């Protein structure tokens, strides 16, 4: 079974999918047609990318009548930031604080 984070990383690895997420961030709740506008991809290619994003829970869909609206779901990205990015940032921030303290102590002496 593929881990949920693996699906998110796989989805984010593709520049076209990141572009689709950027487009949803700029204007949430778009149809397939509006997402395809101004892209040099076929509707079929966009549909496949959206399926990967949906599988990774990076987008959610809502049917409004006959229209399928796509919405950005930032929760999986937040979960990755919490699990992977923040723990690595803590060490760097502490190192910078320690360096600042040493430099300030050196300037006083």
PDB file of N, CA and C in Angstrom:
ATOM      1  N   UNK A   1       0.835  -1.187   0.000  1.00  0.00           N
ATOM      2  CA  UNK A   1       0.000   0.000   0.000  1.00  0.00           C
ATOM      3  C   UNK A   1       0.882   1.255   0.000  1.00  0.00           C
ATOM      4  N   UNK A   2       0.551   2.195  -0.849  1.00  0.00           N
ATOM      5  CA  UNK A   2       1.322   3.420  -0.956  1.00  0.00           C
ATOM      6  C   UNK A   2       0.896   4.378   0.149  1.00  0.00           C
ATOM      7  N   UNK A   3       1.884   4.905   0.853  1.00  0.00           N
ATOM      8  CA  UNK A   3       1.649   5.871   1.912  1.00  0.00           C
ATOM      9  C   UNK A   3       1.022   7.131   1.323  1.00  0.00           C
ATOM     10  N   UNK A   4       0.142   7.789   2.088  1.00  0.00           N
ATOM     11  CA  UNK A   4      -0.506   9.012   1.613  1.00  0.00           C
ATOM     12  C   UNK A   4       0.515  10.092   1.274  1.00  0.00           C
ATOM     13  N   UNK A   5       1.583  10.188   2.070  1.00  0.00           N
ATOM     14  CA  UNK A   5       2.608  11.182   1.775  1.00  0.00           C
ATOM     15  C   UNK A   5       3.318  10.869   0.465  1.00  0.00           C
ATOM     16  N   UNK A   6       3.491   9.593   0.147  1.00  0.00           N
ATOM     17  CA  UNK A   6       4.104   9.219  -1.122  1.00  0.00           C
ATOM     18  C   UNK A   6       3.264   9.724  -2.291  1.00  0.00           C
ATOM     19  N   UNK A   7       1.945   9.623  -2.162  1.00  0.00           N
ATOM     20  CA  UNK A   7       1.049  10.100  -3.217  1.00  0.00           C
ATOM     21  C   UNK A   7       1.173  11.607  -3.391  1.00  0.00           C
ATOM     22  N   UNK A   8       1.308  12.319  -2.276  1.00  0.00           N
ATOM     23  CA  UNK A   8       1.439  13.780  -2.340  1.00  0.00           C
ATOM     24  C   UNK A   8       2.760  14.148  -3.009  1.00  0.00           C
ATOM     25  N   UNK A   9       3.865  13.522  -2.580  1.00  0.00           N
ATOM     26  CA  UNK A   9       5.162  13.814  -3.190  1.00  0.00           C
ATOM     27  C   UNK A   9       5.146  13.493  -4.681  1.00  0.00           C
ATOM     28  N   UNK A  10       4.538  12.373  -5.056  1.00  0.00           N
ATOM     29  CA  UNK A  10       4.450  11.999  -6.472  1.00  0.00           C
ATOM     30  C   UNK A  10       3.651  13.046  -7.241  1.00  0.00           C
ATOM     31  N   UNK A  11       2.547  13.485  -6.677  1.00  0.00           N
ATOM     32  CA  UNK A  11       1.708  14.475  -7.349  1.00  0.00           C
ATOM     33  C   UNK A  11       2.444  15.796  -7.513  1.00  0.00           C
ATOM     34  N   UNK A  12       3.179  16.206  -6.479  1.00  0.00           N
ATOM     35  CA  UNK A  12       3.885  17.479  -6.520  1.00  0.00           C
ATOM     36  C   UNK A  12       5.145  17.441  -7.380  1.00  0.00           C
ATOM     37  N   UNK A  13       5.607  16.244  -7.730  1.00  0.00           N
ATOM     38  CA  UNK A  13       6.838  16.103  -8.512  1.00  0.00           C
ATOM     39  C   UNK A  13       6.677  16.574  -9.956  1.00  0.00           C
ATOM     40  N   UNK A  14       5.445  16.700 -10.415  1.00  0.00           N
ATOM     41  CA  UNK A  14       5.195  17.056 -11.808  1.00  0.00           C
ATOM     42  C   UNK A  14       4.876  18.554 -11.929  1.00  0.00           C
ATOM     43  N   UNK A  15       5.575  19.234 -12.819  1.00  0.00           N
ATOM     44  CA  UNK A  15       5.392  20.684 -12.990  1.00  0.00           C
ATOM     45  C   UNK A  15       3.985  21.034 -13.465  1.00  0.00           C
ATOM     46  N   UNK A  16       3.392  20.208 -14.292  1.00  0.00           N
ATOM     47  CA  UNK A  16       2.029  20.483 -14.781  1.00  0.00           C
ATOM     48  C   UNK A  16       1.014  20.419 -13.637  1.00  0.00           C
ATOM     49  N   UNK A  17       1.202  19.471 -12.740  1.00  0.00           N
ATOM     50  CA  UNK A  17       0.289  19.373 -11.602  1.00  0.00           C
ATOM     51  C   UNK A  17       0.486  20.539 -10.644  1.00  0.00           C
ATOM     52  N   UNK A  18       1.738  20.961 -10.454  1.00  0.00           N
ATOM     53  CA  UNK A  18       1.978  22.137  -9.611  1.00  0.00           C
ATOM     54  C   UNK A  18       1.334  23.378 -10.220  1.00  0.00           C
ATOM     55  N   UNK A  19       1.377  23.480 -11.545  1.00  0.00           N
ATOM     56  CA  UNK A  19       0.729  24.592 -12.231  1.00  0.00           C
ATOM     57  C   UNK A  19      -0.781  24.569 -12.002  1.00  0.00           C
ATOM     58  N   UNK A  20      -1.377  23.392 -12.072  1.00  0.00           N
ATOM     59  CA  UNK A  20      -2.814  23.279 -11.808  1.00  0.00           C
ATOM     60  C   UNK A  20      -3.140  23.694 -10.374  1.00  0.00           C
ATOM     61  N   UNK A  21      -2.312  23.295  -9.428  1.00  0.00           N
ATOM     62  CA  UNK A  21      -2.525  23.713  -8.041  1.00  0.00           C
ATOM     63  C   UNK A  21      -2.386  25.229  -7.898  1.00  0.00           C
ATOM     64  N   UNK A  22      -1.414  25.804  -8.599  1.00  0.00           N
ATOM     65  CA  UNK A  22      -1.261  27.261  -8.575  1.00  0.00           C
ATOM     66  C   UNK A  22      -2.498  27.946  -9.140  1.00  0.00           C
ATOM     67  N   UNK A  23      -3.046  27.389 -10.199  1.00  0.00           N
ATOM     68  CA  UNK A  23      -4.249  27.979 -10.810  1.00  0.00           C
ATOM     69  C   UNK A  23      -5.436  27.887  -9.860  1.00  0.00           C
ATOM     70  N   UNK A  24      -5.534  26.781  -9.116  1.00  0.00           N
ATOM     71  CA  UNK A  24      -6.620  26.654  -8.133  1.00  0.00           C
ATOM     72  C   UNK A  24      -6.380  27.565  -6.938  1.00  0.00           C
ATOM     73  N   UNK A  25      -5.134  27.765  -6.582  1.00  0.00           N
ATOM     74  CA  UNK A  25      -4.840  28.681  -5.486  1.00  0.00           C
ATOM     75  C   UNK A  25      -5.267  30.101  -5.862  1.00  0.00           C
ATOM     76  N   UNK A  26      -5.016  30.478  -7.108  1.00  0.00           N
ATOM     77  CA  UNK A  26      -5.372  31.813  -7.580  1.00  0.00           C
ATOM     78  C   UNK A  26      -6.888  31.987  -7.689  1.00  0.00           C
ATOM     79  N   UNK A  27      -7.563  30.926  -8.120  1.00  0.00           N
ATOM     80  CA  UNK A  27      -9.023  30.973  -8.274  1.00  0.00           C
ATOM     81  C   UNK A  27      -9.578  29.582  -8.000  1.00  0.00           C
ATOM     82  N   UNK A  28     -10.110  29.395  -6.821  1.00  0.00           N
ATOM     83  CA  UNK A  28     -10.611  28.089  -6.407  1.00  0.00           C
ATOM     84  C   UNK A  28     -11.974  27.808  -7.040  1.00  0.00           C
ATOM     85  N   UNK A  29     -12.305  26.536  -7.161  1.00  0.00           N
ATOM     86  CA  UNK A  29     -13.618  26.139  -7.663  1.00  0.00           C
ATOM     87  C   UNK A  29     -13.766  26.234  -9.165  1.00  0.00           C
ATOM     88  N   UNK A  30     -12.761  25.781  -9.895  1.00  0.00           N
ATOM     89  CA  UNK A  30     -12.792  25.874 -11.358  1.00  0.00           C
ATOM     90  C   UNK A  30     -13.254  24.576 -11.998  1.00  0.00           C
ATOM     91  N   UNK A  31     -13.846  24.717 -13.171  1.00  0.00           N
ATOM     92  CA  UNK A  31     -14.242  23.564 -13.975  1.00  0.00           C
ATOM     93  C   UNK A  31     -13.037  23.084 -14.784  1.00  0.00           C
ATOM     94  N   UNK A  32     -13.171  21.933 -15.384  1.00  0.00           N
ATOM     95  CA  UNK A  32     -12.122  21.404 -16.252  1.00  0.00           C
ATOM     96  C   UNK A  32     -11.841  22.382 -17.385  1.00  0.00           C
ATOM     97  N   UNK A  33     -12.888  22.911 -17.962  1.00  0.00           N
ATOM     98  CA  UNK A  33     -12.721  23.853 -19.073  1.00  0.00           C
ATOM     99  C   UNK A  33     -11.929  25.092 -18.677  1.00  0.00           C
ATOM    100  N   UNK A  34     -12.228  25.648 -17.516  1.00  0.00           N
ATOM    101  CA  UNK A  34     -11.499  26.847 -17.088  1.00  0.00           C
ATOM    102  C   UNK A  34     -10.059  26.515 -16.725  1.00  0.00           C
ATOM    103  N   UNK A  35      -9.815  25.324 -16.201  1.00  0.00           N
ATOM    104  CA  UNK A  35      -8.443  24.923 -15.894  1.00  0.00           C
ATOM    105  C   UNK A  35      -7.636  24.683 -17.173  1.00  0.00           C
ATOM    106  N   UNK A  36      -8.290  24.214 -18.214  1.00  0.00           N
ATOM    107  CA  UNK A  36      -7.606  23.945 -19.481  1.00  0.00           C
ATOM    108  C   UNK A  36      -7.269  25.218 -20.245  1.00  0.00           C
ATOM    109  N   UNK A  37      -8.029  26.282 -19.987  1.00  0.00           N
ATOM    110  CA  UNK A  37      -7.795  27.540 -20.699  1.00  0.00           C
ATOM    111  C   UNK A  37      -6.364  28.005 -20.448  1.00  0.00           C
ATOM    112  N   UNK A  38      -5.713  28.433 -21.506  1.00  0.00           N
ATOM    113  CA  UNK A  38      -4.353  28.977 -21.454  1.00  0.00           C
ATOM    114  C   UNK A  38      -3.289  27.927 -21.129  1.00  0.00           C
ATOM    115  N   UNK A  39      -3.628  26.654 -21.151  1.00  0.00           N
ATOM    116  CA  UNK A  39      -2.633  25.598 -20.954  1.00  0.00           C
ATOM    117  C   UNK A  39      -2.347  24.931 -22.291  1.00  0.00           C
ATOM    118  N   UNK A  40      -1.130  24.508 -22.474  1.00  0.00           N
ATOM    119  CA  UNK A  40      -0.761  23.804 -23.698  1.00  0.00           C
ATOM    120  C   UNK A  40      -0.831  22.305 -23.459  1.00  0.00           C
ATOM    121  N   UNK A  41      -1.996  21.876 -22.946  1.00  0.00           N
ATOM    122  CA  UNK A  41      -2.256  20.461 -22.687  1.00  0.00           C
ATOM    123  C   UNK A  41      -3.646  20.138 -23.201  1.00  0.00           C
ATOM    124  N   UNK A  42      -3.824  18.906 -23.568  1.00  0.00           N
ATOM    125  CA  UNK A  42      -5.160  18.472 -23.978  1.00  0.00           C
ATOM    126  C   UNK A  42      -6.051  18.318 -22.751  1.00  0.00           C
ATOM    127  N   UNK A  43      -7.348  18.324 -22.975  1.00  0.00           N
ATOM    128  CA  UNK A  43      -8.292  18.097 -21.870  1.00  0.00           C
ATOM    129  C   UNK A  43      -8.025  16.741 -21.223  1.00  0.00           C
ATOM    130  N   UNK A  44      -7.681  15.760 -22.048  1.00  0.00           N
ATOM    131  CA  UNK A  44      -7.403  14.420 -21.537  1.00  0.00           C
ATOM    132  C   UNK A  44      -6.192  14.434 -20.605  1.00  0.00           C
ATOM    133  N   UNK A  45      -5.146  15.167 -20.968  1.00  0.00           N
ATOM    134  CA  UNK A  45      -3.950  15.258 -20.125  1.00  0.00           C
ATOM    135  C   UNK A  45      -4.277  15.957 -18.808  1.00  0.00           C
ATOM    136  N   UNK A  46      -5.034  17.046 -18.874  1.00  0.00           N
ATOM    137  CA  UNK A  46      -5.416  17.762 -17.663  1.00  0.00           C
ATOM    138  C   UNK A  46      -6.260  16.856 -16.768  1.00  0.00           C
ATOM    139  N   UNK A  47      -7.169  16.101 -17.373  1.00  0.00           N
ATOM    140  CA  UNK A  47      -8.011  15.172 -16.614  1.00  0.00           C
ATOM    141  C   UNK A  47      -7.164  14.140 -15.878  1.00  0.00           C
ATOM    142  N   UNK A  48      -6.147  13.623 -16.536  1.00  0.00           N
ATOM    143  CA  UNK A  48      -5.263  12.642 -15.888  1.00  0.00           C
ATOM    144  C   UNK A  48      -4.499  13.270 -14.733  1.00  0.00           C
ATOM    145  N   UNK A  49      -4.006  14.492 -14.926  1.00  0.00           N
ATOM    146  CA  UNK A  49      -3.296  15.177 -13.843  1.00  0.00           C
ATOM    147  C   UNK A  49      -4.231  15.451 -12.666  1.00  0.00           C
ATOM    148  N   UNK A  50      -5.453  15.856 -12.959  1.00  0.00           N
ATOM    149  CA  UNK A  50      -6.422  16.111 -11.892  1.00  0.00           C
ATOM    150  C   UNK A  50      -6.733  14.831 -11.113  1.00  0.00           C
ATOM    151  N   UNK A  51      -6.769  13.697 -11.802  1.00  0.00           N
ATOM    152  CA  UNK A  51      -7.015  12.421 -11.124  1.00  0.00           C
ATOM    153  C   UNK A  51      -5.896  12.107 -10.135  1.00  0.00           C
ATOM    154  N   UNK A  52      -4.647  12.374 -10.514  1.00  0.00           N
ATOM    155  CA  UNK A  52      -3.515  12.154  -9.611  1.00  0.00           C
ATOM    156  C   UNK A  52      -3.613  13.092  -8.403  1.00  0.00           C
ATOM    157  N   UNK A  53      -3.951  14.347  -8.658  1.00  0.00           N
ATOM    158  CA  UNK A  53      -4.101  15.316  -7.569  1.00  0.00           C
ATOM    159  C   UNK A  53      -5.238  14.928  -6.631  1.00  0.00           C
ATOM    160  N   UNK A  54      -6.318  14.425  -7.201  1.00  0.00           N
ATOM    161  CA  UNK A  54      -7.451  13.991  -6.378  1.00  0.00           C
ATOM    162  C   UNK A  54      -7.087  12.756  -5.556  1.00  0.00           C
ATOM    163  N   UNK A  55      -6.367  11.832  -6.152  1.00  0.00           N
ATOM    164  CA  UNK A  55      -5.918  10.628  -5.452  1.00  0.00           C
ATOM    165  C   UNK A  55      -5.022  10.986  -4.266  1.00  0.00           C
ATOM    166  N   UNK A  56      -4.232  12.048  -4.424  1.00  0.00           N
ATOM    167  CA  UNK A  56      -3.341  12.507  -3.357  1.00  0.00           C
ATOM    168  C   UNK A  56      -4.062  13.423  -2.369  1.00  0.00           C
ATOM    169  N   UNK A  57      -5.327  13.643  -2.570  1.00  0.00           N
ATOM    170  CA  UNK A  57      -6.170  14.519  -1.742  1.00  0.00           C
ATOM    171  C   UNK A  57      -5.736  15.975  -1.801  1.00  0.00           C
ATOM    172  N   UNK A  58      -5.012  16.363  -2.852  1.00  0.00           N
ATOM    173  CA  UNK A  58      -4.594  17.751  -2.997  1.00  0.00           C
ATOM    174  C   UNK A  58      -5.697  18.622  -3.583  1.00  0.00           C
ATOM    175  N   UNK A  59      -6.672  17.977  -4.200  1.00  0.00           N
ATOM    176  CA  UNK A  59      -7.855  18.693  -4.654  1.00  0.00           C
ATOM    177  C   UNK A  59      -9.085  17.903  -4.228  1.00  0.00           C
ATOM    178  N   UNK A  60     -10.170  18.634  -4.085  1.00  0.00           N
ATOM    179  CA  UNK A  60     -11.467  18.028  -3.802  1.00  0.00           C
ATOM    180  C   UNK A  60     -12.414  18.489  -4.910  1.00  0.00           C
ATOM    181  N   UNK A  61     -13.365  17.638  -5.242  1.00  0.00           N
ATOM    182  CA  UNK A  61     -14.316  17.998  -6.286  1.00  0.00           C
ATOM    183  C   UNK A  61     -15.721  18.071  -5.706  1.00  0.00           C
ATOM    184  N   UNK A  62     -16.468  18.999  -6.257  1.00  0.00           N
ATOM    185  CA  UNK A  62     -17.862  19.182  -5.864  1.00  0.00           C
ATOM    186  C   UNK A  62     -18.671  19.289  -7.146  1.00  0.00           C
ATOM    187  N   UNK A  63     -19.701  18.474  -7.233  1.00  0.00           N
ATOM    188  CA  UNK A  63     -20.587  18.557  -8.382  1.00  0.00           C
ATOM    189  C   UNK A  63     -21.623  19.636  -8.126  1.00  0.00           C
ATOM    190  N   UNK A  64     -21.752  20.541  -9.069  1.00  0.00           N
ATOM    191  CA  UNK A  64     -22.762  21.589  -8.998  1.00  0.00           C
ATOM    192  C   UNK A  64     -23.588  21.472 -10.273  1.00  0.00           C
ATOM    193  N   UNK A  65     -24.692  20.747 -10.140  1.00  0.00           N
ATOM    194  CA  UNK A  65     -25.462  20.424 -11.338  1.00  0.00           C
ATOM    195  C   UNK A  65     -24.656  19.479 -12.205  1.00  0.00           C
ATOM    196  N   UNK A  66     -24.425  19.896 -13.456  1.00  0.00           N
ATOM    197  CA  UNK A  66     -23.645  19.069 -14.379  1.00  0.00           C
ATOM    198  C   UNK A  66     -22.167  19.459 -14.388  1.00  0.00           C
ATOM    199  N   UNK A  67     -21.808  20.482 -13.619  1.00  0.00           N
ATOM    200  CA  UNK A  67     -20.422  20.935 -13.582  1.00  0.00           C
ATOM    201  C   UNK A  67     -19.667  20.315 -12.412  1.00  0.00           C
ATOM    202  N   UNK A  68     -18.451  19.929 -12.693  1.00  0.00           N
ATOM    203  CA  UNK A  68     -17.556  19.393 -11.668  1.00  0.00           C
ATOM    204  C   UNK A  68     -16.559  20.489 -11.322  1.00  0.00           C
ATOM    205  N   UNK A  69     -16.643  20.986 -10.097  1.00  0.00           N
ATOM    206  CA  UNK A  69     -15.758  22.056  -9.657  1.00  0.00           C
ATOM    207  C   UNK A  69     -14.597  21.477  -8.862  1.00  0.00           C
ATOM    208  N   UNK A  70     -13.415  21.995  -9.110  1.00  0.00           N
ATOM    209  CA  UNK A  70     -12.196  21.521  -8.462  1.00  0.00           C
ATOM    210  C   UNK A  70     -11.728  22.567  -7.455  1.00  0.00           C
ATOM    211  N   UNK A  71     -11.445  22.105  -6.247  1.00  0.00           N
ATOM    212  CA  UNK A  71     -11.014  22.978  -5.158  1.00  0.00           C
ATOM    213  C   UNK A  71      -9.683  22.497  -4.602  1.00  0.00           C
ATOM    214  N   UNK A  72      -8.825  23.430  -4.278  1.00  0.00           N
ATOM    215  CA  UNK A  72      -7.543  23.128  -3.655  1.00  0.00           C
ATOM    216  C   UNK A  72      -7.770  22.662  -2.220  1.00  0.00           C
ATOM    217  N   UNK A  73      -7.079  21.592  -1.841  1.00  0.00           N
ATOM    218  CA  UNK A  73      -7.099  21.113  -0.460  1.00  0.00           C
ATOM    219  C   UNK A  73      -5.661  21.214   0.063  1.00  0.00           C
ATOM    220  N   UNK A  74      -5.344  22.245   0.847  1.00  0.00           N
ATOM    221  CA  UNK A  74      -3.969  22.435   1.306  1.00  0.00           C
ATOM    222  C   UNK A  74      -3.558  21.538   2.475  1.00  0.00           C
ATOM    223  N   UNK A  75      -4.465  20.755   3.018  1.00  0.00           N
ATOM    224  CA  UNK A  75      -4.166  19.952   4.207  1.00  0.00           C
ATOM    225  C   UNK A  75      -2.998  18.985   3.988  1.00  0.00           C
ATOM    226  N   UNK A  76      -2.953  18.209   2.895  1.00  0.00           N
ATOM    227  CA  UNK A  76      -1.808  17.302   2.724  1.00  0.00           C
ATOM    228  C   UNK A  76      -0.463  18.022   2.654  1.00  0.00           C
ATOM    229  N   UNK A  77      -0.433  19.209   2.059  1.00  0.00           N
ATOM    230  CA  UNK A  77       0.817  19.971   2.000  1.00  0.00           C
ATOM    231  C   UNK A  77       1.199  20.431   3.402  1.00  0.00           C
ATOM    232  N   UNK A  78       0.226  20.859   4.171  1.00  0.00           N
ATOM    233  CA  UNK A  78       0.473  21.259   5.557  1.00  0.00           C
ATOM    234  C   UNK A  78       1.016  20.084   6.373  1.00  0.00           C
ATOM    235  N   UNK A  79       0.437  18.902   6.181  1.00  0.00           N
ATOM    236  CA  UNK A  79       0.898  17.716   6.911  1.00  0.00           C
ATOM    237  C   UNK A  79       2.358  17.407   6.581  1.00  0.00           C
ATOM    238  N   UNK A  80       2.733  17.550   5.316  1.00  0.00           N
ATOM    239  CA  UNK A  80       4.118  17.319   4.916  1.00  0.00           C
ATOM    240  C   UNK A  80       5.026  18.379   5.541  1.00  0.00           C
ATOM    241  N   UNK A  81       4.564  19.620   5.531  1.00  0.00           N
ATOM    242  CA  UNK A  81       5.360  20.686   6.144  1.00  0.00           C
ATOM    243  C   UNK A  81       5.578  20.404   7.624  1.00  0.00           C
ATOM    244  N   UNK A  82       4.536  19.959   8.306  1.00  0.00           N
ATOM    245  CA  UNK A  82       4.650  19.653   9.730  1.00  0.00           C
ATOM    246  C   UNK A  82       5.606  18.491   9.976  1.00  0.00           C
ATOM    247  N   UNK A  83       5.472  17.445   9.177  1.00  0.00           N
ATOM    248  CA  UNK A  83       6.258  16.240   9.413  1.00  0.00           C
ATOM    249  C   UNK A  83       7.694  16.348   8.913  1.00  0.00           C
ATOM    250  N   UNK A  84       7.885  16.929   7.752  1.00  0.00           N
ATOM    251  CA  UNK A  84       9.197  16.873   7.120  1.00  0.00           C
ATOM    252  C   UNK A  84       9.963  18.179   7.167  1.00  0.00           C
ATOM    253  N   UNK A  85       9.319  19.274   6.933  1.00  0.00           N
ATOM    254  CA  UNK A  85      10.043  20.528   6.778  1.00  0.00           C
ATOM    255  C   UNK A  85      10.346  21.176   8.116  1.00  0.00           C
ATOM    256  N   UNK A  86       9.369  21.289   8.985  1.00  0.00           N
ATOM    257  CA  UNK A  86       9.570  21.981  10.255  1.00  0.00           C
ATOM    258  C   UNK A  86      10.653  21.353  11.113  1.00  0.00           C
ATOM    259  N   UNK A  87      10.727  20.029  11.129  1.00  0.00           N
ATOM    260  CA  UNK A  87      11.739  19.411  11.991  1.00  0.00           C
ATOM    261  C   UNK A  87      13.153  19.705  11.505  1.00  0.00           C
ATOM    262  N   UNK A  88      13.325  19.918  10.210  1.00  0.00           N
ATOM    263  CA  UNK A  88      14.633  20.274   9.691  1.00  0.00           C
ATOM    264  C   UNK A  88      14.912  21.758   9.891  1.00  0.00           C
ATOM    265  N   UNK A  89      13.897  22.560   9.883  1.00  0.00           N
ATOM    266  CA  UNK A  89      14.057  24.000  10.108  1.00  0.00           C
ATOM    267  C   UNK A  89      14.466  24.291  11.546  1.00  0.00           C
ATOM    268  N   UNK A  90      13.941  23.531  12.513  1.00  0.00           N
ATOM    269  CA  UNK A  90      14.261  23.762  13.924  1.00  0.00           C
ATOM    270  C   UNK A  90      15.758  23.792  14.159  1.00  0.00           C
ATOM    271  N   UNK A  91      16.464  22.843  13.615  1.00  0.00           N
ATOM    272  CA  UNK A  91      17.910  22.762  13.795  1.00  0.00           C
ATOM    273  C   UNK A  91      18.630  23.957  13.198  1.00  0.00           C
ATOM    274  N   UNK A  92      18.210  24.363  12.014  1.00  0.00           N
ATOM    275  CA  UNK A  92      18.849  25.518  11.377  1.00  0.00           C
ATOM    276  C   UNK A  92      18.567  26.797  12.151  1.00  0.00           C
ATOM    277  N   UNK A  93      17.346  26.943  12.634  1.00  0.00           N
ATOM    278  CA  UNK A  93      17.012  28.136  13.407  1.00  0.00           C
ATOM    279  C   UNK A  93      17.806  28.182  14.708  1.00  0.00           C
ATOM    280  N   UNK A  94      17.979  27.034  15.348  1.00  0.00           N
ATOM    281  CA  UNK A  94      18.769  26.986  16.577  1.00  0.00           C
ATOM    282  C   UNK A  94      20.225  27.314  16.283  1.00  0.00           C
ATOM    283  N   UNK A  95      20.753  26.804  15.180  1.00  0.00           N
ATOM    284  CA  UNK A  95      22.141  27.098  14.807  1.00  0.00           C
ATOM    285  C   UNK A  95      22.328  28.595  14.555  1.00  0.00           C
ATOM    286  N   UNK A  96      21.350  29.214  13.894  1.00  0.00           N
ATOM    287  CA  UNK A  96      21.440  30.661  13.663  1.00  0.00           C
ATOM    288  C   UNK A  96      21.376  31.437  14.975  1.00  0.00           C
ATOM    289  N   UNK A  97      20.504  31.002  15.885  1.00  0.00           N
ATOM    290  CA  UNK A  97      20.411  31.663  17.195  1.00  0.00           C
ATOM    291  C   UNK A  97      21.720  31.524  17.969  1.00  0.00           C
ATOM    292  N   UNK A  98      22.314  30.327  17.928  1.00  0.00           N
ATOM    293  CA  UNK A  98      23.602  30.102  18.605  1.00  0.00           C
ATOM    294  C   UNK A  98      24.705  30.964  17.997  1.00  0.00           C
ATOM    295  N   UNK A  99      24.728  31.054  16.665  1.00  0.00           N
ATOM    296  CA  UNK A  99      25.724  31.872  15.986  1.00  0.00           C
ATOM    297  C   UNK A  99      25.554  33.346  16.358  1.00  0.00           C
ATOM    298  N   UNK A 100      24.337  33.807  16.354  1.00  0.00           N
ATOM    299  CA  UNK A 100      24.046  35.209  16.742  1.00  0.00           C
ATOM    300  C   UNK A 100      24.547  35.480  18.166  1.00  0.00           C
ATOM    301  N   UNK A 101      24.286  34.560  19.051  1.00  0.00           N
ATOM    302  CA  UNK A 101      24.703  34.721  20.462  1.00  0.00           C
ATOM    303  C   UNK A 101      26.229  34.780  20.550  1.00  0.00           C
ATOM    304  N   UNK A 102      26.926  33.873  19.848  1.00  0.00           N
ATOM    305  CA  UNK A 102      28.395  33.873  19.879  1.00  0.00           C
ATOM    306  C   UNK A 102      28.959  35.158  19.295  1.00  0.00           C
ATOM    307  N   UNK A 103      28.364  35.633  18.191  1.00  0.00           N
ATOM    308  CA  UNK A 103      28.847  36.864  17.574  1.00  0.00           C
ATOM    309  C   UNK A 103      28.627  38.072  18.487  1.00  0.00           C
ATOM    310  N   UNK A 104      27.472  38.083  19.145  1.00  0.00           N
ATOM    311  CA  UNK A 104      27.199  39.190  20.066  1.00  0.00           C
ATOM    312  C   UNK A 104      28.143  39.141  21.275  1.00  0.00           C
ATOM    313  N   UNK A 105      28.447  37.946  21.771  1.00  0.00           N
ATOM    314  CA  UNK A 105      29.368  37.810  22.886  1.00  0.00           C
ATOM    315  C   UNK A 105      30.769  38.229  22.469  1.00  0.00           C
ATOM    316  N   UNK A 106      31.165  37.918  21.232  1.00  0.00           N
ATOM    317  CA  UNK A 106      32.480  38.292  20.717  1.00  0.00           C
ATOM    318  C   UNK A 106      32.587  39.802  20.534  1.00  0.00           C
ATOM    319  N   UNK A 107      31.511  40.447  20.157  1.00  0.00           N
ATOM    320  CA  UNK A 107      31.512  41.904  19.953  1.00  0.00           C
ATOM    321  C   UNK A 107      31.593  42.652  21.271  1.00  0.00           C
ATOM    322  N   UNK A 108      31.060  42.051  22.336  1.00  0.00           N
ATOM    323  CA  UNK A 108      31.090  42.691  23.653  1.00  0.00           C
ATOM    324  C   UNK A 108      32.461  42.589  24.302  1.00  0.00           C
ATOM    325  N   UNK A 109      33.243  41.583  23.937  1.00  0.00           N
ATOM    326  CA  UNK A 109      34.505  41.325  24.622  1.00  0.00           C
ATOM    327  C   UNK A 109      35.655  41.949  23.999  1.00  0.00           C
TER     328      UNK A 109
END
